N, C-alpha and C. Protein backbone atom coordinates (compact mmCIF):
# COMPACT_ATOMS: atom_id res chain seq x y z
N MET A 1 -29.58 6.38 9.42
CA MET A 1 -28.34 6.17 8.65
C MET A 1 -28.69 5.82 7.19
N SER A 2 -28.01 6.53 6.27
CA SER A 2 -28.34 6.28 4.86
C SER A 2 -27.70 4.98 4.38
N THR A 3 -28.17 4.48 3.29
CA THR A 3 -27.75 3.15 2.81
C THR A 3 -26.25 3.10 2.56
N HIS A 4 -25.67 4.21 2.10
CA HIS A 4 -24.23 4.21 1.78
C HIS A 4 -23.36 4.45 3.03
N LEU A 5 -23.94 4.57 4.19
CA LEU A 5 -23.19 4.71 5.40
C LEU A 5 -23.49 3.62 6.38
N ARG A 6 -23.80 2.42 5.90
CA ARG A 6 -24.03 1.34 6.80
C ARG A 6 -22.74 0.83 7.38
N PRO A 7 -22.78 0.13 8.50
CA PRO A 7 -21.58 -0.37 9.13
C PRO A 7 -20.94 -1.45 8.22
N PRO A 8 -19.66 -1.40 8.00
CA PRO A 8 -18.98 -2.44 7.22
C PRO A 8 -18.80 -3.71 7.96
N LYS A 9 -18.51 -4.78 7.30
CA LYS A 9 -18.16 -6.07 7.92
C LYS A 9 -16.70 -6.39 7.80
N PHE A 10 -15.99 -5.65 7.02
CA PHE A 10 -14.55 -5.78 6.83
C PHE A 10 -13.93 -4.48 6.43
N VAL A 11 -12.78 -4.13 6.98
CA VAL A 11 -12.11 -2.86 6.67
C VAL A 11 -10.79 -3.14 6.10
N TYR A 12 -10.56 -2.54 4.86
CA TYR A 12 -9.25 -2.58 4.22
C TYR A 12 -8.56 -1.24 4.38
N PHE A 13 -7.25 -1.32 4.67
CA PHE A 13 -6.43 -0.08 4.68
C PHE A 13 -5.37 -0.21 3.59
N ASP A 14 -5.16 0.94 2.93
CA ASP A 14 -3.97 1.05 2.07
C ASP A 14 -2.76 1.05 3.01
N LEU A 15 -1.56 0.81 2.38
CA LEU A 15 -0.34 0.76 3.25
C LEU A 15 0.35 2.13 3.14
N GLY A 16 0.86 2.51 1.94
CA GLY A 16 1.65 3.68 1.82
C GLY A 16 0.88 4.95 1.98
N ASN A 17 1.37 5.83 2.80
CA ASN A 17 0.74 7.16 3.16
C ASN A 17 -0.61 6.95 3.88
N VAL A 18 -0.80 5.79 4.44
CA VAL A 18 -1.91 5.54 5.30
C VAL A 18 -1.36 4.89 6.63
N ILE A 19 -0.91 3.66 6.53
CA ILE A 19 -0.31 2.99 7.71
C ILE A 19 1.13 3.47 7.92
N VAL A 20 1.83 3.60 6.81
CA VAL A 20 3.21 4.14 6.86
C VAL A 20 3.29 5.26 5.87
N ASN A 21 4.13 6.25 6.23
CA ASN A 21 4.42 7.34 5.26
C ASN A 21 5.66 7.00 4.49
N PHE A 22 5.82 7.52 3.25
CA PHE A 22 7.02 7.28 2.50
C PHE A 22 7.43 8.49 1.69
N ASP A 23 8.74 8.55 1.39
CA ASP A 23 9.25 9.67 0.60
C ASP A 23 9.98 9.08 -0.60
N ARG A 24 9.20 9.04 -1.70
CA ARG A 24 9.76 8.36 -2.91
C ARG A 24 11.00 9.07 -3.45
N GLU A 25 11.04 10.41 -3.38
CA GLU A 25 12.18 11.07 -3.91
C GLU A 25 13.44 10.84 -3.05
N HIS A 26 13.22 10.58 -1.80
CA HIS A 26 14.38 10.24 -0.92
C HIS A 26 14.98 8.90 -1.39
N ALA A 27 14.08 7.91 -1.73
CA ALA A 27 14.57 6.67 -2.23
C ALA A 27 15.26 6.86 -3.58
N VAL A 28 14.77 7.67 -4.44
CA VAL A 28 15.40 7.97 -5.71
C VAL A 28 16.79 8.50 -5.53
N ARG A 29 16.93 9.46 -4.60
CA ARG A 29 18.30 10.03 -4.36
C ARG A 29 19.24 8.99 -3.81
N GLN A 30 18.71 8.08 -2.89
CA GLN A 30 19.65 7.06 -2.40
C GLN A 30 20.03 6.04 -3.48
N MET A 31 19.08 5.66 -4.33
CA MET A 31 19.41 4.78 -5.42
C MET A 31 20.40 5.38 -6.34
N ALA A 32 20.25 6.68 -6.63
CA ALA A 32 21.15 7.37 -7.53
C ALA A 32 22.56 7.34 -6.93
N GLU A 33 22.69 7.58 -5.68
CA GLU A 33 24.00 7.60 -5.03
C GLU A 33 24.65 6.22 -5.06
N VAL A 34 23.86 5.17 -4.79
CA VAL A 34 24.40 3.79 -4.84
C VAL A 34 24.89 3.48 -6.29
N ALA A 35 24.06 3.88 -7.25
CA ALA A 35 24.39 3.55 -8.66
C ALA A 35 25.37 4.49 -9.31
N GLY A 36 25.61 5.62 -8.67
CA GLY A 36 26.59 6.58 -9.29
C GLY A 36 26.09 7.30 -10.43
N ILE A 37 24.74 7.55 -10.42
CA ILE A 37 24.08 8.33 -11.54
C ILE A 37 23.27 9.43 -10.95
N THR A 38 22.62 10.20 -11.73
CA THR A 38 21.78 11.32 -11.31
C THR A 38 20.40 10.82 -10.81
N PRO A 39 19.85 11.58 -9.89
CA PRO A 39 18.42 11.27 -9.51
C PRO A 39 17.49 11.30 -10.71
N ALA A 40 17.72 12.25 -11.62
CA ALA A 40 16.86 12.29 -12.80
C ALA A 40 16.91 11.03 -13.64
N ALA A 41 18.13 10.52 -13.85
CA ALA A 41 18.26 9.27 -14.60
C ALA A 41 17.65 8.08 -13.87
N THR A 42 17.77 8.11 -12.58
CA THR A 42 17.18 7.05 -11.73
C THR A 42 15.67 7.08 -11.82
N HIS A 43 15.05 8.27 -11.65
CA HIS A 43 13.66 8.44 -11.71
C HIS A 43 13.11 7.95 -13.11
N ALA A 44 13.78 8.36 -14.18
CA ALA A 44 13.37 8.02 -15.48
C ALA A 44 13.33 6.50 -15.70
N ALA A 45 14.41 5.86 -15.26
CA ALA A 45 14.47 4.40 -15.42
C ALA A 45 13.45 3.67 -14.58
N VAL A 46 13.22 4.08 -13.32
CA VAL A 46 12.36 3.35 -12.41
C VAL A 46 10.92 3.56 -12.70
N PHE A 47 10.55 4.88 -12.89
CA PHE A 47 9.15 5.22 -13.05
C PHE A 47 8.68 5.46 -14.45
N GLU A 48 9.40 6.35 -15.12
CA GLU A 48 9.00 6.61 -16.55
C GLU A 48 9.18 5.39 -17.44
N GLY A 49 10.19 4.58 -17.11
CA GLY A 49 10.48 3.40 -17.87
C GLY A 49 9.57 2.21 -17.50
N GLY A 50 8.80 2.35 -16.43
CA GLY A 50 7.85 1.32 -16.03
C GLY A 50 8.39 0.20 -15.16
N LEU A 51 9.64 0.27 -14.78
CA LEU A 51 10.22 -0.85 -14.00
C LEU A 51 9.52 -1.04 -12.64
N GLN A 52 9.21 0.07 -11.99
CA GLN A 52 8.56 -0.03 -10.63
C GLN A 52 7.20 -0.62 -10.82
N ALA A 53 6.43 -0.25 -11.82
CA ALA A 53 5.11 -0.84 -12.01
C ALA A 53 5.21 -2.37 -12.31
N LYS A 54 6.17 -2.76 -13.08
CA LYS A 54 6.34 -4.19 -13.37
C LYS A 54 6.72 -4.91 -12.08
N LEU A 55 7.57 -4.31 -11.24
CA LEU A 55 7.94 -4.95 -10.00
C LEU A 55 6.74 -5.06 -9.01
N GLU A 56 5.97 -4.03 -8.97
CA GLU A 56 4.79 -4.02 -8.10
C GLU A 56 3.71 -4.97 -8.60
N ARG A 57 3.64 -5.18 -9.89
CA ARG A 57 2.66 -6.04 -10.47
C ARG A 57 3.13 -7.51 -10.43
N GLY A 58 4.31 -7.73 -10.02
CA GLY A 58 4.86 -9.10 -9.94
C GLY A 58 5.30 -9.64 -11.24
N GLU A 59 5.39 -8.81 -12.25
CA GLU A 59 5.84 -9.27 -13.53
C GLU A 59 7.35 -9.60 -13.59
N ILE A 60 8.11 -8.92 -12.73
CA ILE A 60 9.55 -9.20 -12.62
C ILE A 60 9.92 -9.26 -11.17
N ASP A 61 11.04 -10.01 -10.83
CA ASP A 61 11.53 -9.98 -9.50
C ASP A 61 12.62 -8.99 -9.35
N TRP A 62 13.24 -8.91 -8.14
CA TRP A 62 14.26 -7.87 -7.92
C TRP A 62 15.50 -8.06 -8.82
N LYS A 63 15.87 -9.33 -9.07
CA LYS A 63 17.04 -9.57 -9.95
C LYS A 63 16.78 -8.98 -11.35
N ALA A 64 15.60 -9.28 -11.87
CA ALA A 64 15.28 -8.78 -13.21
C ALA A 64 15.22 -7.25 -13.18
N PHE A 65 14.59 -6.69 -12.09
CA PHE A 65 14.55 -5.24 -11.95
C PHE A 65 15.99 -4.67 -11.99
N HIS A 66 16.90 -5.23 -11.16
CA HIS A 66 18.26 -4.65 -11.03
C HIS A 66 18.97 -4.84 -12.38
N ASP A 67 18.84 -5.97 -13.01
CA ASP A 67 19.50 -6.15 -14.34
C ASP A 67 18.96 -5.09 -15.35
N ALA A 68 17.70 -4.87 -15.42
CA ALA A 68 17.13 -3.88 -16.33
C ALA A 68 17.57 -2.47 -15.99
N PHE A 69 17.55 -2.18 -14.66
CA PHE A 69 17.91 -0.82 -14.20
C PHE A 69 19.38 -0.61 -14.58
N SER A 70 20.25 -1.58 -14.36
CA SER A 70 21.66 -1.40 -14.63
C SER A 70 21.92 -1.19 -16.12
N ARG A 71 21.23 -1.99 -16.87
CA ARG A 71 21.39 -1.92 -18.34
C ARG A 71 20.88 -0.60 -18.89
N THR A 72 19.71 -0.14 -18.40
CA THR A 72 19.13 1.12 -18.89
C THR A 72 19.92 2.33 -18.53
N THR A 73 20.45 2.34 -17.31
CA THR A 73 21.21 3.46 -16.80
C THR A 73 22.71 3.37 -17.02
N GLY A 74 23.19 2.26 -17.49
CA GLY A 74 24.64 2.04 -17.69
C GLY A 74 25.37 2.12 -16.37
N SER A 75 24.74 1.65 -15.31
CA SER A 75 25.32 1.73 -13.96
C SER A 75 25.72 0.36 -13.40
N THR A 76 26.49 0.37 -12.37
CA THR A 76 26.88 -0.87 -11.72
C THR A 76 26.64 -0.70 -10.20
N SER A 77 25.93 -1.67 -9.62
CA SER A 77 25.69 -1.60 -8.18
C SER A 77 25.40 -3.02 -7.65
N ALA A 78 25.60 -3.14 -6.31
CA ALA A 78 25.26 -4.44 -5.69
C ALA A 78 23.73 -4.55 -5.51
N PRO A 79 23.12 -5.63 -5.98
CA PRO A 79 21.63 -5.72 -5.94
C PRO A 79 21.08 -5.46 -4.54
N ALA A 80 21.76 -6.01 -3.49
CA ALA A 80 21.21 -5.82 -2.13
C ALA A 80 21.24 -4.37 -1.73
N ARG A 81 22.39 -3.68 -2.02
CA ARG A 81 22.52 -2.25 -1.65
C ARG A 81 21.49 -1.38 -2.40
N LEU A 82 21.20 -1.69 -3.63
CA LEU A 82 20.25 -0.93 -4.37
C LEU A 82 18.88 -1.16 -3.78
N ALA A 83 18.58 -2.41 -3.40
CA ALA A 83 17.27 -2.70 -2.82
C ALA A 83 17.11 -2.00 -1.50
N ASP A 84 18.13 -1.93 -0.67
CA ASP A 84 18.04 -1.16 0.56
C ASP A 84 17.83 0.33 0.32
N ALA A 85 18.54 0.85 -0.67
CA ALA A 85 18.35 2.26 -0.96
C ALA A 85 17.00 2.56 -1.48
N ALA A 86 16.37 1.63 -2.24
CA ALA A 86 15.08 1.80 -2.80
C ALA A 86 13.97 1.67 -1.68
N SER A 87 14.30 0.97 -0.66
CA SER A 87 13.27 0.64 0.38
C SER A 87 13.37 1.47 1.64
N ASP A 88 14.47 2.07 1.89
CA ASP A 88 14.70 2.79 3.18
C ASP A 88 14.08 4.23 3.06
N MET A 89 12.76 4.28 3.02
CA MET A 89 12.06 5.53 2.84
C MET A 89 10.82 5.61 3.63
N PHE A 90 10.54 4.65 4.49
CA PHE A 90 9.30 4.56 5.21
C PHE A 90 9.38 5.07 6.66
N SER A 91 8.28 5.56 7.19
CA SER A 91 8.13 5.85 8.62
C SER A 91 6.77 5.55 9.05
N LEU A 92 6.59 5.01 10.24
CA LEU A 92 5.29 4.59 10.72
C LEU A 92 4.40 5.84 10.94
N ASN A 93 3.15 5.74 10.45
CA ASN A 93 2.20 6.81 10.74
C ASN A 93 1.54 6.50 12.08
N VAL A 94 2.15 6.97 13.15
CA VAL A 94 1.78 6.61 14.53
C VAL A 94 0.37 6.99 14.84
N ALA A 95 -0.13 8.05 14.25
CA ALA A 95 -1.50 8.47 14.49
C ALA A 95 -2.54 7.46 14.02
N MET A 96 -2.13 6.51 13.15
CA MET A 96 -3.09 5.48 12.73
C MET A 96 -3.19 4.36 13.73
N LEU A 97 -2.28 4.17 14.63
CA LEU A 97 -2.30 3.05 15.54
C LEU A 97 -3.55 2.92 16.36
N PRO A 98 -4.01 3.99 17.01
CA PRO A 98 -5.24 3.89 17.77
C PRO A 98 -6.49 3.62 16.91
N VAL A 99 -6.48 4.08 15.72
CA VAL A 99 -7.65 3.85 14.83
C VAL A 99 -7.72 2.42 14.43
N ILE A 100 -6.62 1.86 14.03
CA ILE A 100 -6.54 0.41 13.71
C ILE A 100 -6.93 -0.44 14.89
N ALA A 101 -6.35 -0.13 16.04
CA ALA A 101 -6.68 -0.89 17.26
C ALA A 101 -8.18 -0.75 17.60
N ALA A 102 -8.76 0.40 17.39
CA ALA A 102 -10.19 0.60 17.70
C ALA A 102 -11.08 -0.22 16.80
N VAL A 103 -10.70 -0.29 15.51
CA VAL A 103 -11.48 -1.08 14.56
C VAL A 103 -11.44 -2.55 14.96
N GLU A 104 -10.22 -3.02 15.37
CA GLU A 104 -10.09 -4.40 15.78
C GLU A 104 -10.88 -4.63 17.09
N ARG A 105 -10.86 -3.64 17.96
CA ARG A 105 -11.56 -3.77 19.26
C ARG A 105 -13.04 -3.86 19.03
N ALA A 106 -13.51 -3.21 17.95
CA ALA A 106 -14.96 -3.21 17.61
C ALA A 106 -15.35 -4.58 17.00
N GLY A 107 -14.41 -5.47 16.82
CA GLY A 107 -14.70 -6.77 16.36
C GLY A 107 -14.67 -7.02 14.82
N LEU A 108 -14.14 -5.97 14.13
CA LEU A 108 -14.15 -6.08 12.63
C LEU A 108 -12.80 -6.70 12.19
N PRO A 109 -12.85 -7.66 11.23
CA PRO A 109 -11.62 -8.11 10.62
C PRO A 109 -11.09 -7.03 9.71
N THR A 110 -9.75 -6.97 9.66
CA THR A 110 -9.09 -5.92 8.84
C THR A 110 -8.12 -6.55 7.85
N GLY A 111 -7.77 -5.76 6.82
CA GLY A 111 -6.81 -6.26 5.90
C GLY A 111 -6.03 -5.05 5.26
N ILE A 112 -4.96 -5.40 4.56
CA ILE A 112 -4.14 -4.35 3.82
C ILE A 112 -4.35 -4.63 2.35
N LEU A 113 -4.60 -3.61 1.57
CA LEU A 113 -4.76 -3.66 0.14
C LEU A 113 -3.77 -2.65 -0.45
N SER A 114 -2.66 -3.10 -0.95
CA SER A 114 -1.54 -2.17 -1.29
C SER A 114 -0.86 -2.49 -2.60
N ASN A 115 -0.52 -1.43 -3.35
CA ASN A 115 0.43 -1.59 -4.40
C ASN A 115 1.81 -1.50 -3.83
N THR A 116 2.52 -2.63 -3.82
CA THR A 116 3.84 -2.62 -3.28
C THR A 116 4.68 -3.70 -3.95
N CYS A 117 5.91 -3.88 -3.51
CA CYS A 117 6.78 -4.88 -4.12
C CYS A 117 7.52 -5.71 -3.03
N ALA A 118 8.09 -6.73 -3.36
CA ALA A 118 8.74 -7.59 -2.39
C ALA A 118 9.79 -6.89 -1.60
N PRO A 119 10.73 -6.11 -2.19
CA PRO A 119 11.72 -5.44 -1.35
C PRO A 119 11.17 -4.47 -0.32
N HIS A 120 10.13 -3.71 -0.72
CA HIS A 120 9.51 -2.77 0.18
C HIS A 120 8.81 -3.50 1.31
N TRP A 121 8.07 -4.55 1.00
CA TRP A 121 7.34 -5.25 2.05
C TRP A 121 8.32 -5.94 2.98
N SER A 122 9.38 -6.58 2.47
CA SER A 122 10.39 -7.20 3.30
C SER A 122 11.06 -6.19 4.18
N HIS A 123 11.35 -4.98 3.67
CA HIS A 123 11.98 -3.91 4.44
C HIS A 123 11.09 -3.54 5.60
N LEU A 124 9.77 -3.37 5.36
CA LEU A 124 8.80 -2.97 6.38
C LEU A 124 8.75 -4.03 7.45
N LEU A 125 8.74 -5.28 7.05
CA LEU A 125 8.62 -6.39 8.04
C LEU A 125 9.86 -6.43 8.90
N ALA A 126 11.04 -6.10 8.31
CA ALA A 126 12.34 -6.11 8.98
C ALA A 126 12.38 -4.99 10.06
N LYS A 127 11.60 -3.98 9.88
CA LYS A 127 11.60 -2.90 10.84
C LYS A 127 10.85 -3.31 12.12
N ARG A 128 10.12 -4.40 12.08
CA ARG A 128 9.47 -4.98 13.22
C ARG A 128 8.44 -4.07 13.85
N TYR A 129 7.74 -3.35 13.05
CA TYR A 129 6.57 -2.54 13.57
C TYR A 129 5.54 -3.53 14.04
N ALA A 130 5.03 -3.29 15.23
CA ALA A 130 4.09 -4.27 15.83
C ALA A 130 2.83 -4.37 14.97
N VAL A 131 2.47 -3.30 14.22
CA VAL A 131 1.26 -3.29 13.45
C VAL A 131 1.39 -4.12 12.15
N LEU A 132 2.60 -4.48 11.78
CA LEU A 132 2.78 -5.18 10.48
C LEU A 132 3.55 -6.52 10.74
N PRO A 133 2.95 -7.64 10.40
CA PRO A 133 1.60 -7.75 9.87
C PRO A 133 0.49 -7.67 10.89
N GLY A 134 0.85 -7.65 12.19
CA GLY A 134 -0.13 -7.43 13.20
C GLY A 134 -1.29 -8.37 13.18
N ARG A 135 -2.48 -7.80 13.32
CA ARG A 135 -3.71 -8.64 13.32
C ARG A 135 -4.49 -8.53 11.99
N PHE A 136 -3.87 -7.96 10.99
CA PHE A 136 -4.51 -7.95 9.69
C PHE A 136 -4.74 -9.40 9.22
N SER A 137 -5.97 -9.75 8.98
CA SER A 137 -6.28 -11.12 8.61
C SER A 137 -6.11 -11.41 7.13
N VAL A 138 -6.03 -10.36 6.33
CA VAL A 138 -5.88 -10.53 4.83
C VAL A 138 -4.86 -9.53 4.34
N LEU A 139 -3.87 -9.99 3.58
CA LEU A 139 -2.89 -9.15 3.00
C LEU A 139 -3.02 -9.26 1.47
N VAL A 140 -3.47 -8.19 0.82
CA VAL A 140 -3.59 -8.18 -0.64
C VAL A 140 -2.53 -7.29 -1.18
N LEU A 141 -1.39 -7.86 -1.53
CA LEU A 141 -0.18 -7.16 -2.00
C LEU A 141 -0.11 -7.31 -3.51
N SER A 142 0.04 -6.23 -4.23
CA SER A 142 -0.05 -6.28 -5.66
C SER A 142 0.92 -7.22 -6.26
N HIS A 143 2.18 -7.26 -5.76
CA HIS A 143 3.18 -8.12 -6.38
C HIS A 143 2.85 -9.59 -6.18
N GLU A 144 2.01 -9.91 -5.19
CA GLU A 144 1.67 -11.31 -4.93
C GLU A 144 0.40 -11.70 -5.76
N VAL A 145 -0.47 -10.78 -6.00
CA VAL A 145 -1.73 -11.16 -6.67
C VAL A 145 -1.72 -10.78 -8.15
N GLY A 146 -0.60 -10.11 -8.61
CA GLY A 146 -0.47 -9.85 -10.03
C GLY A 146 -1.36 -8.79 -10.58
N ALA A 147 -1.72 -7.80 -9.78
CA ALA A 147 -2.54 -6.69 -10.25
C ALA A 147 -2.32 -5.49 -9.42
N LEU A 148 -2.42 -4.28 -10.03
CA LEU A 148 -2.26 -3.02 -9.35
C LEU A 148 -3.57 -2.25 -9.30
N LYS A 149 -3.79 -1.57 -8.12
CA LYS A 149 -4.87 -0.65 -8.12
C LYS A 149 -4.58 0.47 -9.13
N PRO A 150 -5.53 0.94 -9.92
CA PRO A 150 -6.95 0.73 -9.78
C PRO A 150 -7.53 -0.35 -10.70
N ASP A 151 -6.72 -1.34 -11.07
CA ASP A 151 -7.24 -2.46 -11.92
C ASP A 151 -8.41 -3.10 -11.17
N PRO A 152 -9.58 -3.26 -11.83
CA PRO A 152 -10.72 -3.92 -11.14
C PRO A 152 -10.40 -5.30 -10.59
N SER A 153 -9.47 -6.02 -11.19
CA SER A 153 -9.22 -7.38 -10.79
C SER A 153 -8.67 -7.45 -9.39
N ILE A 154 -7.92 -6.45 -8.94
CA ILE A 154 -7.39 -6.48 -7.58
C ILE A 154 -8.45 -6.31 -6.54
N TYR A 155 -9.53 -5.56 -6.88
CA TYR A 155 -10.63 -5.42 -5.95
C TYR A 155 -11.48 -6.69 -5.90
N GLU A 156 -11.61 -7.34 -7.04
CA GLU A 156 -12.28 -8.62 -7.07
C GLU A 156 -11.55 -9.63 -6.16
N THR A 157 -10.24 -9.69 -6.32
CA THR A 157 -9.44 -10.58 -5.51
C THR A 157 -9.56 -10.23 -4.02
N ALA A 158 -9.45 -9.00 -3.70
CA ALA A 158 -9.56 -8.56 -2.34
C ALA A 158 -10.88 -8.90 -1.68
N ALA A 159 -11.98 -8.72 -2.46
CA ALA A 159 -13.34 -9.03 -1.96
C ALA A 159 -13.44 -10.52 -1.67
N ARG A 160 -12.90 -11.34 -2.60
CA ARG A 160 -12.97 -12.79 -2.43
C ARG A 160 -12.13 -13.22 -1.25
N MET A 161 -10.97 -12.64 -1.07
CA MET A 161 -10.08 -13.00 0.09
C MET A 161 -10.74 -12.56 1.45
N ALA A 162 -11.48 -11.45 1.41
CA ALA A 162 -12.14 -11.01 2.65
C ALA A 162 -13.29 -11.87 3.02
N GLY A 163 -13.95 -12.47 2.01
CA GLY A 163 -15.01 -13.36 2.28
C GLY A 163 -16.33 -12.73 2.62
N VAL A 164 -16.49 -11.47 2.22
CA VAL A 164 -17.76 -10.75 2.42
C VAL A 164 -18.16 -10.12 1.04
N PRO A 165 -19.44 -9.73 0.87
CA PRO A 165 -19.89 -9.12 -0.34
C PRO A 165 -19.24 -7.73 -0.45
N PRO A 166 -19.05 -7.31 -1.70
CA PRO A 166 -18.42 -6.00 -1.90
C PRO A 166 -19.05 -4.86 -1.16
N GLU A 167 -20.36 -4.88 -1.05
CA GLU A 167 -21.10 -3.80 -0.37
C GLU A 167 -20.80 -3.79 1.13
N ALA A 168 -20.22 -4.82 1.66
CA ALA A 168 -19.89 -4.93 3.10
C ALA A 168 -18.50 -4.53 3.39
N LEU A 169 -17.74 -4.10 2.39
CA LEU A 169 -16.31 -3.73 2.52
C LEU A 169 -16.20 -2.19 2.69
N PHE A 170 -15.34 -1.81 3.56
CA PHE A 170 -14.90 -0.39 3.67
C PHE A 170 -13.39 -0.32 3.35
N PHE A 171 -13.00 0.71 2.57
CA PHE A 171 -11.58 0.85 2.16
C PHE A 171 -11.19 2.32 2.26
N THR A 172 -9.98 2.54 2.66
CA THR A 172 -9.43 3.90 2.64
C THR A 172 -8.09 3.87 1.96
N ASP A 173 -7.80 4.90 1.14
CA ASP A 173 -6.61 5.00 0.32
C ASP A 173 -6.34 6.47 0.14
N ASP A 174 -5.12 6.87 0.03
CA ASP A 174 -4.78 8.26 -0.17
C ASP A 174 -4.90 8.72 -1.58
N VAL A 175 -5.06 7.73 -2.53
CA VAL A 175 -5.16 8.14 -3.98
C VAL A 175 -6.64 8.12 -4.38
N PRO A 176 -7.15 9.24 -4.81
CA PRO A 176 -8.62 9.29 -5.13
C PRO A 176 -8.94 8.34 -6.26
N GLU A 177 -8.12 8.09 -7.21
CA GLU A 177 -8.40 7.12 -8.32
C GLU A 177 -8.66 5.71 -7.74
N HIS A 178 -7.88 5.34 -6.69
CA HIS A 178 -8.00 4.01 -6.14
C HIS A 178 -9.34 3.94 -5.40
N VAL A 179 -9.73 5.00 -4.73
CA VAL A 179 -10.94 5.04 -4.03
C VAL A 179 -12.17 4.95 -5.02
N GLU A 180 -12.08 5.69 -6.13
CA GLU A 180 -13.13 5.63 -7.09
C GLU A 180 -13.28 4.27 -7.69
N ALA A 181 -12.14 3.57 -7.91
CA ALA A 181 -12.24 2.22 -8.42
C ALA A 181 -12.86 1.23 -7.45
N ALA A 182 -12.59 1.42 -6.17
CA ALA A 182 -13.24 0.65 -5.13
C ALA A 182 -14.78 0.87 -5.15
N ARG A 183 -15.13 2.10 -5.26
CA ARG A 183 -16.57 2.41 -5.29
C ARG A 183 -17.21 1.78 -6.54
N ALA A 184 -16.51 1.79 -7.69
CA ALA A 184 -17.04 1.22 -8.89
C ALA A 184 -17.23 -0.27 -8.74
N ALA A 185 -16.43 -0.86 -7.85
CA ALA A 185 -16.50 -2.33 -7.58
C ALA A 185 -17.62 -2.62 -6.54
N GLY A 186 -18.33 -1.59 -6.08
CA GLY A 186 -19.42 -1.77 -5.13
C GLY A 186 -19.01 -1.60 -3.69
N TRP A 187 -17.76 -1.19 -3.43
CA TRP A 187 -17.30 -0.99 -2.10
C TRP A 187 -17.70 0.36 -1.53
N ASP A 188 -17.73 0.52 -0.24
CA ASP A 188 -17.77 1.76 0.46
C ASP A 188 -16.34 2.24 0.63
N ALA A 189 -15.95 3.48 0.27
CA ALA A 189 -14.59 3.83 0.35
C ALA A 189 -14.48 5.39 0.50
N GLU A 190 -13.42 5.76 1.15
CA GLU A 190 -13.15 7.17 1.43
C GLU A 190 -11.67 7.46 1.16
N VAL A 191 -11.38 8.65 0.65
CA VAL A 191 -9.98 9.11 0.50
C VAL A 191 -9.40 9.39 1.86
N PHE A 192 -8.19 8.83 2.10
CA PHE A 192 -7.53 9.06 3.35
C PHE A 192 -6.77 10.44 3.30
N THR A 193 -7.00 11.22 4.40
CA THR A 193 -6.31 12.44 4.58
C THR A 193 -5.59 12.44 5.91
N THR A 194 -6.27 12.14 6.99
CA THR A 194 -5.69 12.06 8.35
C THR A 194 -6.33 10.91 9.07
N ALA A 195 -5.64 10.47 10.13
CA ALA A 195 -6.23 9.41 11.02
C ALA A 195 -7.55 9.93 11.66
N ALA A 196 -7.51 11.18 12.05
CA ALA A 196 -8.72 11.70 12.72
C ALA A 196 -9.96 11.74 11.81
N ARG A 197 -9.69 12.12 10.51
CA ARG A 197 -10.75 12.09 9.55
C ARG A 197 -11.26 10.67 9.31
N LEU A 198 -10.36 9.76 9.25
CA LEU A 198 -10.74 8.33 9.02
C LEU A 198 -11.60 7.86 10.20
N ALA A 199 -11.23 8.24 11.41
CA ALA A 199 -12.03 7.81 12.54
C ALA A 199 -13.44 8.38 12.44
N ASP A 200 -13.55 9.66 11.99
CA ASP A 200 -14.86 10.25 11.80
C ASP A 200 -15.66 9.52 10.74
N ASP A 201 -15.00 9.17 9.62
CA ASP A 201 -15.67 8.42 8.56
C ASP A 201 -16.24 7.09 9.04
N LEU A 202 -15.44 6.39 9.85
CA LEU A 202 -15.84 5.09 10.36
C LEU A 202 -16.98 5.22 11.34
N GLN A 203 -16.90 6.18 12.22
CA GLN A 203 -17.94 6.43 13.24
C GLN A 203 -19.22 6.88 12.56
N ALA A 204 -19.11 7.60 11.44
CA ALA A 204 -20.31 7.96 10.69
C ALA A 204 -21.00 6.77 10.13
N ARG A 205 -20.34 5.63 10.06
CA ARG A 205 -20.92 4.40 9.55
C ARG A 205 -21.37 3.50 10.70
N GLY A 206 -21.46 4.07 11.85
CA GLY A 206 -22.10 3.36 12.98
C GLY A 206 -21.07 2.55 13.81
N LEU A 207 -19.78 2.73 13.61
CA LEU A 207 -18.79 2.04 14.40
C LEU A 207 -18.48 2.80 15.66
N ASN A 208 -18.55 2.20 16.81
CA ASN A 208 -18.21 2.85 18.09
C ASN A 208 -16.73 2.55 18.32
N LEU A 209 -15.88 3.53 17.94
CA LEU A 209 -14.43 3.34 18.07
C LEU A 209 -13.91 3.76 19.50
N GLY A 210 -14.72 4.51 20.18
CA GLY A 210 -14.26 4.98 21.55
C GLY A 210 -13.10 5.96 21.45
N LEU A 211 -13.05 6.72 20.36
CA LEU A 211 -11.93 7.64 20.19
C LEU A 211 -12.43 9.10 20.30
């Protein structure tokens, strides 16, 4: 076994498009309908205008987001309805459940390392998926720690919270830039494509997943 394929002591999973799938444009269309504006105007305000990044970084809360969104788009909406529209875009990636269970069965602690915001996280918890928060021992959520992947500081925080050296961490994320940043921080990391490929990546590192 080569040095870069040694067994990890802690496994971090990304949330979006790994544990759960999401459709961002579906959320944009729903927000546009609630606000009575076009999807293009919604997308421009939320993403091009940087509101979503500020929300996910914890720089603003939902009230401030809603106020800025309403002001920018000239729209009127109930804050709770807009939050529901923005958040109702997730579905569980069922194929990941046996992989997560197998990692836990192998005796490894696990965590979530995600760029997310309070409305999205609350919405996911309200869906009562057994896997969330499940047995994840560490939750590194960008809006709580004040940093977004691929900022090096979020990986430093995640390593400290995991309590193991960076080289003992394994991480999977669907965004190549986030994986490269993890590797730059000294982590072992792979781009997520499918649950089956992730199982192969972990077994190549000496984990007996029984899958």
